[in-house]
Amino acid sequence: MTTARGRRPGPTVRTRVHELTDDLERDREDRVATEEPLELRLGWPGADPRRVWVTMRTPGHDFELAAGYVVHEGLAAPGDLRQVAYCTDRDLTDAQEFNVVTVTLGTAPALDPADRHAGFGAGSACGVCGKDSIAAVLDVPHAPAWTGALPEPAVVRRLPRLLREAQSVFARTGGVHAAGLFSAAGETLAVREDVGRHNAVDKVTGARVLAGQPTAEACLVVSGRAGFELAQKAVAAGIGALVSVGAPSSLAVHLARGAGLTLYGFTSADRCVRYT
């Protein structure tokens, strides 16, 4: 989809649909979640910005997405980010404007971007699809383990409802994932939505980074399953508990146990299953 120059893409797009039920057929207007590519470039003193990642995402909170990704990948600590901005290269096409973000660091990255998955793309379904070896997948950044309070089971069971109440794009489209950061008492700290579940988590962490707040907190809640890539990001941010409404994967359980991350799956108002 091409976006007119000077106008940022929004999180939803109008479209015409033909609805069919047992009783009638009708044409009407509907909304679908926007999905567009975002290219992330990384720069630091003595180095020109270079592409390190391309993902399919829902536009909105792009700077948070970029900041969260850099932190989750272990490329830099939150305090090393000096600037996050849309790229202003004159050779960008109309379709690229507002779809290229540059993160500038104060020092060289902690890891060589080429050792992660620089230049590789990621779809909206999985955050580790660009990794070029099994060893690279398993070698994840670890923040200090969370030592604060964790939510009681009764609070855990309330969290999916609190997350759902903050999902405005999902309410209009039914087509995005969500991630939310919560205190041990169930206070909502940040909620973000995206067609990619891993992007939603990046946006949550990025929101904390850009606000100058700690990324570590009691609980991260996700609207889908708890795959390895989400557990990886939770560990990198220093999260205490990861709560999902779906099932965890075996590798997510393995990582959570090794990193001291409390992991819940199948969470609803009347049930949750603790895996670690």
C-alpha atoms as a PDB file:
ATOM      1  CA  MET A   1       0.000   0.000   0.000  1.00  0.00           C
ATOM      2  CA  THR A   2       1.397   3.401  -0.953  1.00  0.00           C
ATOM      3  CA  THR A   3       0.971   6.253   1.492  1.00  0.00           C
ATOM      4  CA  ALA A   4       0.880   9.830   0.223  1.00  0.00           C
ATOM      5  CA  ARG A   5       3.993  11.797   1.120  1.00  0.00           C
ATOM      6  CA  GLY A   6       3.611  13.826   4.271  1.00  0.00           C
ATOM      7  CA  ARG A   7       0.798  11.718   5.716  1.00  0.00           C
ATOM      8  CA  ARG A   8       1.583   9.035   8.247  1.00  0.00           C
ATOM      9  CA  PRO A   9      -0.228   5.731   7.888  1.00  0.00           C
ATOM     10  CA  GLY A  10      -2.744   5.055  10.630  1.00  0.00           C
ATOM     11  CA  PRO A  11      -3.385   1.805  12.514  1.00  0.00           C
ATOM     12  CA  THR A  12      -6.534   0.966  10.517  1.00  0.00           C
ATOM     13  CA  VAL A  13      -7.668   1.219   6.898  1.00  0.00           C
ATOM     14  CA  ARG A  14     -11.227   1.457   5.554  1.00  0.00           C
ATOM     15  CA  THR A  15     -12.314  -1.186   3.059  1.00  0.00           C
ATOM     16  CA  ARG A  16     -15.519  -2.394   1.414  1.00  0.00           C
ATOM     17  CA  VAL A  17     -16.689  -5.901   2.272  1.00  0.00           C
ATOM     18  CA  HIS A  18     -19.520  -8.225   1.262  1.00  0.00           C
ATOM     19  CA  GLU A  19     -21.057  -9.788   4.367  1.00  0.00           C
ATOM     20  CA  LEU A  20     -22.986 -13.061   4.145  1.00  0.00           C
ATOM     21  CA  THR A  21     -25.173 -14.612   6.835  1.00  0.00           C
ATOM     22  CA  ASP A  22     -27.953 -17.183   6.850  1.00  0.00           C
ATOM     23  CA  ASP A  23     -30.494 -14.388   6.526  1.00  0.00           C
ATOM     24  CA  LEU A  24     -28.957 -11.784   4.231  1.00  0.00           C
ATOM     25  CA  GLU A  25     -26.131 -10.517   2.086  1.00  0.00           C
ATOM     26  CA  ARG A  26     -24.982  -6.926   2.190  1.00  0.00           C
ATOM     27  CA  ASP A  27     -22.188  -4.599   1.189  1.00  0.00           C
ATOM     28  CA  ARG A  28     -20.784  -2.394   3.916  1.00  0.00           C
ATOM     29  CA  GLU A  29     -17.696  -0.551   5.041  1.00  0.00           C
ATOM     30  CA  ASP A  30     -15.292  -2.255   7.412  1.00  0.00           C
ATOM     31  CA  ARG A  31     -11.879  -1.568   8.919  1.00  0.00           C
ATOM     32  CA  VAL A  32      -8.804  -3.765   8.775  1.00  0.00           C
ATOM     33  CA  ALA A  33      -5.580  -3.433  10.720  1.00  0.00           C
ATOM     34  CA  THR A  34      -2.831  -1.681   8.773  1.00  0.00           C
ATOM     35  CA  GLU A  35       0.230  -3.759   7.980  1.00  0.00           C
ATOM     36  CA  GLU A  36       3.285  -2.057   6.496  1.00  0.00           C
ATOM     37  CA  PRO A  37       7.034  -2.692   6.569  1.00  0.00           C
ATOM     38  CA  LEU A  38       9.272  -0.818   8.969  1.00  0.00           C
ATOM     39  CA  GLU A  39      13.008  -0.645   8.361  1.00  0.00           C
ATOM     40  CA  LEU A  40      15.225   0.006  11.369  1.00  0.00           C
ATOM     41  CA  ARG A  41      18.612   1.633  10.907  1.00  0.00           C
ATOM     42  CA  LEU A  42      21.229   1.863  13.635  1.00  0.00           C
ATOM     43  CA  GLY A  43      23.931   4.534  13.854  1.00  0.00           C
ATOM     44  CA  TRP A  44      26.626   5.530  16.352  1.00  0.00           C
ATOM     45  CA  PRO A  45      29.654   7.848  16.481  1.00  0.00           C
ATOM     46  CA  GLY A  46      31.986   7.090  13.606  1.00  0.00           C
ATOM     47  CA  ALA A  47      29.481   4.877  11.783  1.00  0.00           C
ATOM     48  CA  ASP A  48      26.865   5.798   9.222  1.00  0.00           C
ATOM     49  CA  PRO A  49      23.370   4.436   9.943  1.00  0.00           C
ATOM     50  CA  ARG A  50      22.932   0.926   8.593  1.00  0.00           C
ATOM     51  CA  ARG A  51      19.930  -1.321   8.205  1.00  0.00           C
ATOM     52  CA  VAL A  52      19.665  -3.914  10.960  1.00  0.00           C
ATOM     53  CA  TRP A  53      16.055  -5.114  10.750  1.00  0.00           C
ATOM     54  CA  VAL A  54      12.900  -5.032   8.663  1.00  0.00           C
ATOM     55  CA  THR A  55       9.562  -6.115  10.104  1.00  0.00           C
ATOM     56  CA  MET A  56       5.912  -5.989   9.151  1.00  0.00           C
ATOM     57  CA  ARG A  57       4.073  -3.892  11.709  1.00  0.00           C
ATOM     58  CA  THR A  58       0.995  -1.811  12.440  1.00  0.00           C
ATOM     59  CA  PRO A  59       1.993   1.875  12.128  1.00  0.00           C
ATOM     60  CA  GLY A  60       1.908   3.798  15.368  1.00  0.00           C
ATOM     61  CA  HIS A  61       4.423   3.999  18.214  1.00  0.00           C
ATOM     62  CA  ASP A  62       7.169   3.342  15.654  1.00  0.00           C
ATOM     63  CA  PHE A  63       9.865   4.955  17.796  1.00  0.00           C
ATOM     64  CA  GLU A  64       8.864   2.746  20.716  1.00  0.00           C
ATOM     65  CA  LEU A  65       9.039  -0.312  18.472  1.00  0.00           C
ATOM     66  CA  ALA A  66      12.557   0.605  17.369  1.00  0.00           C
ATOM     67  CA  ALA A  67      13.772   1.389  20.889  1.00  0.00           C
ATOM     68  CA  GLY A  68      12.283  -1.778  22.337  1.00  0.00           C
ATOM     69  CA  TYR A  69      13.812  -3.921  19.614  1.00  0.00           C
ATOM     70  CA  VAL A  70      17.297  -2.488  20.195  1.00  0.00           C
ATOM     71  CA  VAL A  71      17.061  -3.185  23.930  1.00  0.00           C
ATOM     72  CA  HIS A  72      15.530  -6.655  23.561  1.00  0.00           C
ATOM     73  CA  GLU A  73      18.240  -7.682  21.091  1.00  0.00           C
ATOM     74  CA  GLY A  74      20.973  -6.597  23.485  1.00  0.00           C
ATOM     75  CA  LEU A  75      22.337  -4.070  21.003  1.00  0.00           C
ATOM     76  CA  ALA A  76      22.296  -1.275  23.583  1.00  0.00           C
ATOM     77  CA  ALA A  77      21.156  -0.459  27.088  1.00  0.00           C
ATOM     78  CA  PRO A  78      18.255   2.009  27.437  1.00  0.00           C
ATOM     79  CA  GLY A  79      20.596   4.795  28.501  1.00  0.00           C
ATOM     80  CA  ASP A  80      22.694   4.424  25.339  1.00  0.00           C
ATOM     81  CA  LEU A  81      19.925   5.620  23.014  1.00  0.00           C
ATOM     82  CA  ARG A  82      20.537   9.220  21.964  1.00  0.00           C
ATOM     83  CA  GLN A  83      17.903   9.769  19.271  1.00  0.00           C
ATOM     84  CA  VAL A  84      15.095   7.909  17.546  1.00  0.00           C
ATOM     85  CA  ALA A  85      13.714   9.557  14.404  1.00  0.00           C
ATOM     86  CA  TYR A  86      12.215   8.911  11.002  1.00  0.00           C
ATOM     87  CA  CYS A  87      14.855   8.804   8.292  1.00  0.00           C
ATOM     88  CA  THR A  88      14.916  11.914   6.093  1.00  0.00           C
ATOM     89  CA  ASP A  89      17.064  10.665   3.206  1.00  0.00           C
ATOM     90  CA  ARG A  90      16.092  12.452   0.018  1.00  0.00           C
ATOM     91  CA  ASP A  91      16.103   9.234  -1.974  1.00  0.00           C
ATOM     92  CA  LEU A  92      13.256   7.697   0.031  1.00  0.00           C
ATOM     93  CA  THR A  93      10.170   6.945  -2.013  1.00  0.00           C
ATOM     94  CA  ASP A  94       6.653   7.962  -0.990  1.00  0.00           C
ATOM     95  CA  ALA A  95       6.021   4.434   0.267  1.00  0.00           C
ATOM     96  CA  GLN A  96       9.174   4.526   2.419  1.00  0.00           C
ATOM     97  CA  GLU A  97       8.452   7.795   4.198  1.00  0.00           C
ATOM     98  CA  PHE A  98       7.461   7.123   7.813  1.00  0.00           C
ATOM     99  CA  ASN A  99       8.488   3.493   7.271  1.00  0.00           C
ATOM    100  CA  VAL A 100      12.210   3.941   7.997  1.00  0.00           C
ATOM    101  CA  VAL A 101      13.378   4.732  11.549  1.00  0.00           C
ATOM    102  CA  THR A 102      16.948   5.479  12.622  1.00  0.00           C
ATOM    103  CA  VAL A 103      18.137   4.842  16.175  1.00  0.00           C
ATOM    104  CA  THR A 104      21.316   6.734  17.068  1.00  0.00           C
ATOM    105  CA  LEU A 105      23.436   5.431  19.939  1.00  0.00           C
ATOM    106  CA  GLY A 106      25.891   7.352  22.058  1.00  0.00           C
ATOM    107  CA  THR A 107      28.498   4.611  21.694  1.00  0.00           C
ATOM    108  CA  ALA A 108      29.082   1.579  19.491  1.00  0.00           C
ATOM    109  CA  PRO A 109      26.482  -1.168  20.053  1.00  0.00           C
ATOM    110  CA  ALA A 110      27.175  -3.771  22.705  1.00  0.00           C
ATOM    111  CA  LEU A 111      26.856  -6.441  20.020  1.00  0.00           C
ATOM    112  CA  ASP A 112      27.737  -6.269  16.360  1.00  0.00           C
ATOM    113  CA  PRO A 113      24.373  -6.083  14.558  1.00  0.00           C
ATOM    114  CA  ALA A 114      25.776  -8.516  12.007  1.00  0.00           C
ATOM    115  CA  ASP A 115      26.002 -11.119  14.787  1.00  0.00           C
ATOM    116  CA  ARG A 116      22.256 -10.881  15.438  1.00  0.00           C
ATOM    117  CA  HIS A 117      20.214 -10.866  12.223  1.00  0.00           C
ATOM    118  CA  ALA A 118      21.261  -7.676  10.502  1.00  0.00           C
ATOM    119  CA  GLY A 119      19.750  -7.226   7.087  1.00  0.00           C
ATOM    120  CA  PHE A 120      17.262 -10.037   7.572  1.00  0.00           C
ATOM    121  CA  GLY A 121      13.529  -9.530   7.539  1.00  0.00           C
ATOM    122  CA  ALA A 122      10.864 -10.609   9.973  1.00  0.00           C
ATOM    123  CA  GLY A 123       7.223 -11.259   9.292  1.00  0.00           C
ATOM    124  CA  SER A 124       4.438 -10.158  11.588  1.00  0.00           C
ATOM    125  CA  ALA A 125       4.082 -13.636  13.109  1.00  0.00           C
ATOM    126  CA  CYS A 126       7.485 -14.350  14.632  1.00  0.00           C
ATOM    127  CA  GLY A 127      10.269 -12.276  16.085  1.00  0.00           C
ATOM    128  CA  VAL A 128      13.182 -14.665  15.558  1.00  0.00           C
ATOM    129  CA  CYS A 129      12.691 -15.677  11.919  1.00  0.00           C
ATOM    130  CA  GLY A 130      15.820 -13.829  10.802  1.00  0.00           C
ATOM    131  CA  LYS A 131      18.223 -15.666  13.101  1.00  0.00           C
ATOM    132  CA  ASP A 132      20.873 -17.456  11.104  1.00  0.00           C
ATOM    133  CA  SER A 133      21.678 -20.279  13.529  1.00  0.00           C
ATOM    134  CA  ILE A 134      20.183 -22.185  16.448  1.00  0.00           C
ATOM    135  CA  ALA A 135      22.985 -20.901  18.679  1.00  0.00           C
ATOM    136  CA  ALA A 136      22.061 -17.303  17.843  1.00  0.00           C
ATOM    137  CA  VAL A 137      18.455 -17.978  18.784  1.00  0.00           C
ATOM    138  CA  LEU A 138      19.335 -19.412  22.177  1.00  0.00           C
ATOM    139  CA  ASP A 139      21.940 -16.758  23.004  1.00  0.00           C
ATOM    140  CA  VAL A 140      19.533 -14.167  24.410  1.00  0.00           C
ATOM    141  CA  PRO A 141      20.268 -11.050  26.483  1.00  0.00           C
ATOM    142  CA  HIS A 142      19.439 -11.407  30.182  1.00  0.00           C
ATOM    143  CA  ALA A 143      18.543  -8.491  32.417  1.00  0.00           C
ATOM    144  CA  PRO A 144      18.856  -9.039  36.177  1.00  0.00           C
ATOM    145  CA  ALA A 145      16.074 -11.318  37.384  1.00  0.00           C
ATOM    146  CA  TRP A 146      13.044  -9.561  38.879  1.00  0.00           C
ATOM    147  CA  THR A 147      13.194  -9.495  42.698  1.00  0.00           C
ATOM    148  CA  GLY A 148      10.047  -7.485  43.417  1.00  0.00           C
ATOM    149  CA  ALA A 149       6.533  -8.661  44.170  1.00  0.00           C
ATOM    150  CA  LEU A 150       4.650 -10.836  41.688  1.00  0.00           C
ATOM    151  CA  PRO A 151       0.891 -10.789  41.068  1.00  0.00           C
ATOM    152  CA  GLU A 152      -1.249 -13.153  43.104  1.00  0.00           C
ATOM    153  CA  PRO A 153      -3.214 -15.761  41.105  1.00  0.00           C
ATOM    154  CA  ALA A 154      -6.438 -13.780  41.506  1.00  0.00           C
ATOM    155  CA  VAL A 155      -4.731 -10.767  39.932  1.00  0.00           C
ATOM    156  CA  VAL A 156      -3.247 -12.902  37.152  1.00  0.00           C
ATOM    157  CA  ARG A 157      -6.725 -14.109  36.179  1.00  0.00           C
ATOM    158  CA  ARG A 158      -7.954 -10.502  35.889  1.00  0.00           C
ATOM    159  CA  LEU A 159      -5.142  -9.331  33.633  1.00  0.00           C
ATOM    160  CA  PRO A 160      -6.454 -10.569  30.255  1.00  0.00           C
ATOM    161  CA  ARG A 161      -9.673  -8.616  30.808  1.00  0.00           C
ATOM    162  CA  LEU A 162      -7.722  -5.479  31.682  1.00  0.00           C
ATOM    163  CA  LEU A 163      -5.614  -5.938  28.564  1.00  0.00           C
ATOM    164  CA  ARG A 164      -8.677  -6.469  26.377  1.00  0.00           C
ATOM    165  CA  GLU A 165     -10.331  -3.301  27.694  1.00  0.00           C
ATOM    166  CA  ALA A 166      -7.362  -1.274  26.427  1.00  0.00           C
ATOM    167  CA  GLN A 167      -7.306  -2.802  22.908  1.00  0.00           C
ATOM    168  CA  SER A 168      -8.905  -0.041  20.853  1.00  0.00           C
ATOM    169  CA  VAL A 169      -7.523  -1.199  17.486  1.00  0.00           C
ATOM    170  CA  PHE A 170      -8.658  -4.772  18.115  1.00  0.00           C
ATOM    171  CA  ALA A 171     -12.138  -3.481  18.948  1.00  0.00           C
ATOM    172  CA  ARG A 172     -12.319  -1.895  15.482  1.00  0.00           C
ATOM    173  CA  THR A 173     -10.626  -4.624  13.440  1.00  0.00           C
ATOM    174  CA  GLY A 174     -10.268  -7.876  15.383  1.00  0.00           C
ATOM    175  CA  GLY A 175      -6.911  -8.172  13.670  1.00  0.00           C
ATOM    176  CA  VAL A 176      -4.101  -7.257  16.070  1.00  0.00           C
ATOM    177  CA  HIS A 177      -2.238  -8.689  19.028  1.00  0.00           C
ATOM    178  CA  ALA A 178      -1.634  -6.808  22.256  1.00  0.00           C
ATOM    179  CA  ALA A 179       0.908  -6.685  25.057  1.00  0.00           C
ATOM    180  CA  GLY A 180       0.545  -4.930  28.363  1.00  0.00           C
ATOM    181  CA  LEU A 181       2.797  -4.112  31.289  1.00  0.00           C
ATOM    182  CA  PHE A 182       1.211  -4.380  34.729  1.00  0.00           C
ATOM    183  CA  SER A 183       2.266  -3.947  38.337  1.00  0.00           C
ATOM    184  CA  ALA A 184       1.968  -6.755  40.856  1.00  0.00           C
ATOM    185  CA  ALA A 185      -1.289  -5.200  42.035  1.00  0.00           C
ATOM    186  CA  GLY A 186      -2.733  -5.213  38.507  1.00  0.00           C
ATOM    187  CA  GLU A 187      -2.210  -1.538  37.683  1.00  0.00           C
ATOM    188  CA  THR A 188      -2.030  -0.953  33.937  1.00  0.00           C
ATOM    189  CA  LEU A 189       1.276   0.724  33.044  1.00  0.00           C
ATOM    190  CA  ALA A 190       1.374   0.428  29.237  1.00  0.00           C
ATOM    191  CA  VAL A 191      -0.606  -1.378  26.519  1.00  0.00           C
ATOM    192  CA  ARG A 192       0.364  -1.538  22.849  1.00  0.00           C
ATOM    193  CA  GLU A 193      -1.161  -3.293  19.808  1.00  0.00           C
ATOM    194  CA  ASP A 194       0.319  -4.595  16.564  1.00  0.00           C
ATOM    195  CA  VAL A 195      -0.245  -7.204  13.864  1.00  0.00           C
ATOM    196  CA  GLY A 196       2.945  -8.825  15.201  1.00  0.00           C
ATOM    197  CA  ARG A 197       2.843 -10.112  18.769  1.00  0.00           C
ATOM    198  CA  HIS A 198       6.585  -9.555  19.125  1.00  0.00           C
ATOM    199  CA  ASN A 199       6.197  -5.974  17.855  1.00  0.00           C
ATOM    200  CA  ALA A 200       3.587  -5.266  20.521  1.00  0.00           C
ATOM    201  CA  VAL A 201       6.063  -6.357  23.198  1.00  0.00           C
ATOM    202  CA  ASP A 202       8.825  -4.232  21.645  1.00  0.00           C
ATOM    203  CA  LYS A 203       6.486  -1.227  21.749  1.00  0.00           C
ATOM    204  CA  VAL A 204       5.736  -1.754  25.441  1.00  0.00           C
ATOM    205  CA  THR A 205       9.405  -1.878  26.381  1.00  0.00           C
ATOM    206  CA  GLY A 206      10.161   1.008  24.027  1.00  0.00           C
ATOM    207  CA  ALA A 207       7.490   3.118  25.704  1.00  0.00           C
ATOM    208  CA  ARG A 208       9.287   2.673  29.007  1.00  0.00           C
ATOM    209  CA  VAL A 209      12.696   3.393  27.476  1.00  0.00           C
ATOM    210  CA  LEU A 210      11.603   6.618  25.789  1.00  0.00           C
ATOM    211  CA  ALA A 211       9.832   7.759  28.965  1.00  0.00           C
ATOM    212  CA  GLY A 212      13.006   7.215  30.988  1.00  0.00           C
ATOM    213  CA  GLN A 213      11.347   4.497  33.060  1.00  0.00           C
ATOM    214  CA  PRO A 214      12.749   1.051  33.943  1.00  0.00           C
ATOM    215  CA  THR A 215      11.884  -1.762  31.560  1.00  0.00           C
ATOM    216  CA  ALA A 216      11.715  -4.261  34.421  1.00  0.00           C
ATOM    217  CA  GLU A 217       8.279  -4.707  35.991  1.00  0.00           C
ATOM    218  CA  ALA A 218       6.197  -7.382  37.686  1.00  0.00           C
ATOM    219  CA  CYS A 219       4.142  -8.656  34.782  1.00  0.00           C
ATOM    220  CA  LEU A 220       3.894  -8.684  30.987  1.00  0.00           C
ATOM    221  CA  VAL A 221       0.583  -9.892  29.531  1.00  0.00           C
ATOM    222  CA  VAL A 222       0.199 -11.035  25.909  1.00  0.00           C
ATOM    223  CA  SER A 223      -2.999 -11.692  23.998  1.00  0.00           C
ATOM    224  CA  GLY A 224      -1.901 -14.891  22.244  1.00  0.00           C
ATOM    225  CA  ARG A 225       0.375 -17.800  22.935  1.00  0.00           C
ATOM    226  CA  ALA A 226       3.655 -17.535  24.837  1.00  0.00           C
ATOM    227  CA  GLY A 227       6.260 -18.568  22.298  1.00  0.00           C
ATOM    228  CA  PHE A 228      10.004 -18.449  22.768  1.00  0.00           C
ATOM    229  CA  GLU A 229      10.358 -15.010  21.179  1.00  0.00           C
ATOM    230  CA  LEU A 230       8.050 -13.439  23.775  1.00  0.00           C
ATOM    231  CA  ALA A 231       9.790 -15.153  26.682  1.00  0.00           C
ATOM    232  CA  GLN A 232      13.100 -13.934  25.237  1.00  0.00           C
ATOM    233  CA  LYS A 233      11.924 -10.325  25.235  1.00  0.00           C
ATOM    234  CA  ALA A 234      10.504 -10.627  28.753  1.00  0.00           C
ATOM    235  CA  VAL A 235      13.834 -11.936  30.026  1.00  0.00           C
ATOM    236  CA  ALA A 236      15.759  -9.182  28.224  1.00  0.00           C
ATOM    237  CA  ALA A 237      13.542  -6.521  29.821  1.00  0.00           C
ATOM    238  CA  GLY A 238      13.776  -7.970  33.337  1.00  0.00           C
ATOM    239  CA  ILE A 239      10.092  -8.909  33.612  1.00  0.00           C
ATOM    240  CA  GLY A 240       8.962 -10.925  36.618  1.00  0.00           C
ATOM    241  CA  ALA A 241       6.052 -12.865  35.112  1.00  0.00           C
ATOM    242  CA  LEU A 242       4.824 -13.509  31.569  1.00  0.00           C
ATOM    243  CA  VAL A 243       1.066 -14.136  31.352  1.00  0.00           C
ATOM    244  CA  SER A 244      -0.526 -15.417  28.143  1.00  0.00           C
ATOM    245  CA  VAL A 245      -4.100 -16.254  27.224  1.00  0.00           C
ATOM    246  CA  GLY A 246      -2.836 -19.144  25.075  1.00  0.00           C
ATOM    247  CA  ALA A 247      -0.377 -21.973  25.474  1.00  0.00           C
ATOM    248  CA  PRO A 248       3.368 -21.642  25.984  1.00  0.00           C
ATOM    249  CA  SER A 249       5.837 -23.534  23.830  1.00  0.00           C
ATOM    250  CA  SER A 250       8.392 -26.013  25.169  1.00  0.00           C
ATOM    251  CA  LEU A 251      11.284 -23.652  24.457  1.00  0.00           C
ATOM    252  CA  ALA A 252       9.505 -20.777  26.221  1.00  0.00           C
ATOM    253  CA  VAL A 253       9.101 -22.972  29.311  1.00  0.00           C
ATOM    254  CA  HIS A 254      12.760 -24.004  29.101  1.00  0.00           C
ATOM    255  CA  LEU A 255      13.960 -20.405  28.846  1.00  0.00           C
ATOM    256  CA  ALA A 256      11.643 -19.186  31.613  1.00  0.00           C
ATOM    257  CA  ARG A 257      12.824 -21.844  34.036  1.00  0.00           C
ATOM    258  CA  GLY A 258      16.473 -21.105  33.356  1.00  0.00           C
ATOM    259  CA  ALA A 259      16.039 -17.343  33.653  1.00  0.00           C
ATOM    260  CA  GLY A 260      13.756 -17.218  36.696  1.00  0.00           C
ATOM    261  CA  LEU A 261      10.760 -15.924  34.701  1.00  0.00           C
ATOM    262  CA  THR A 262       7.356 -16.928  36.082  1.00  0.00           C
ATOM    263  CA  LEU A 263       5.258 -18.184  33.178  1.00  0.00           C
ATOM    264  CA  TYR A 264       1.463 -18.516  33.005  1.00  0.00           C
ATOM    265  CA  GLY A 265      -0.625 -19.897  30.155  1.00  0.00           C
ATOM    266  CA  PHE A 266      -4.315 -20.489  29.400  1.00  0.00           C
ATOM    267  CA  THR A 267      -5.184 -17.471  31.517  1.00  0.00           C
ATOM    268  CA  SER A 268      -8.827 -16.444  31.827  1.00  0.00           C
ATOM    269  CA  ALA A 269     -11.168 -15.065  34.462  1.00  0.00           C
ATOM    270  CA  ASP A 270     -11.640 -18.471  36.073  1.00  0.00           C
ATOM    271  CA  ARG A 271      -8.365 -20.293  35.313  1.00  0.00           C
ATOM    272  CA  CYS A 272      -4.634 -19.973  34.819  1.00  0.00           C
ATOM    273  CA  VAL A 273      -1.851 -22.529  34.517  1.00  0.00           C
ATOM    274  CA  ARG A 274       1.573 -21.841  35.986  1.00  0.00           C
ATOM    275  CA  TYR A 275       4.504 -23.509  34.216  1.00  0.00           C
ATOM    276  CA  THR A 276       7.457 -22.209  36.256  1.00  0.00           C
END
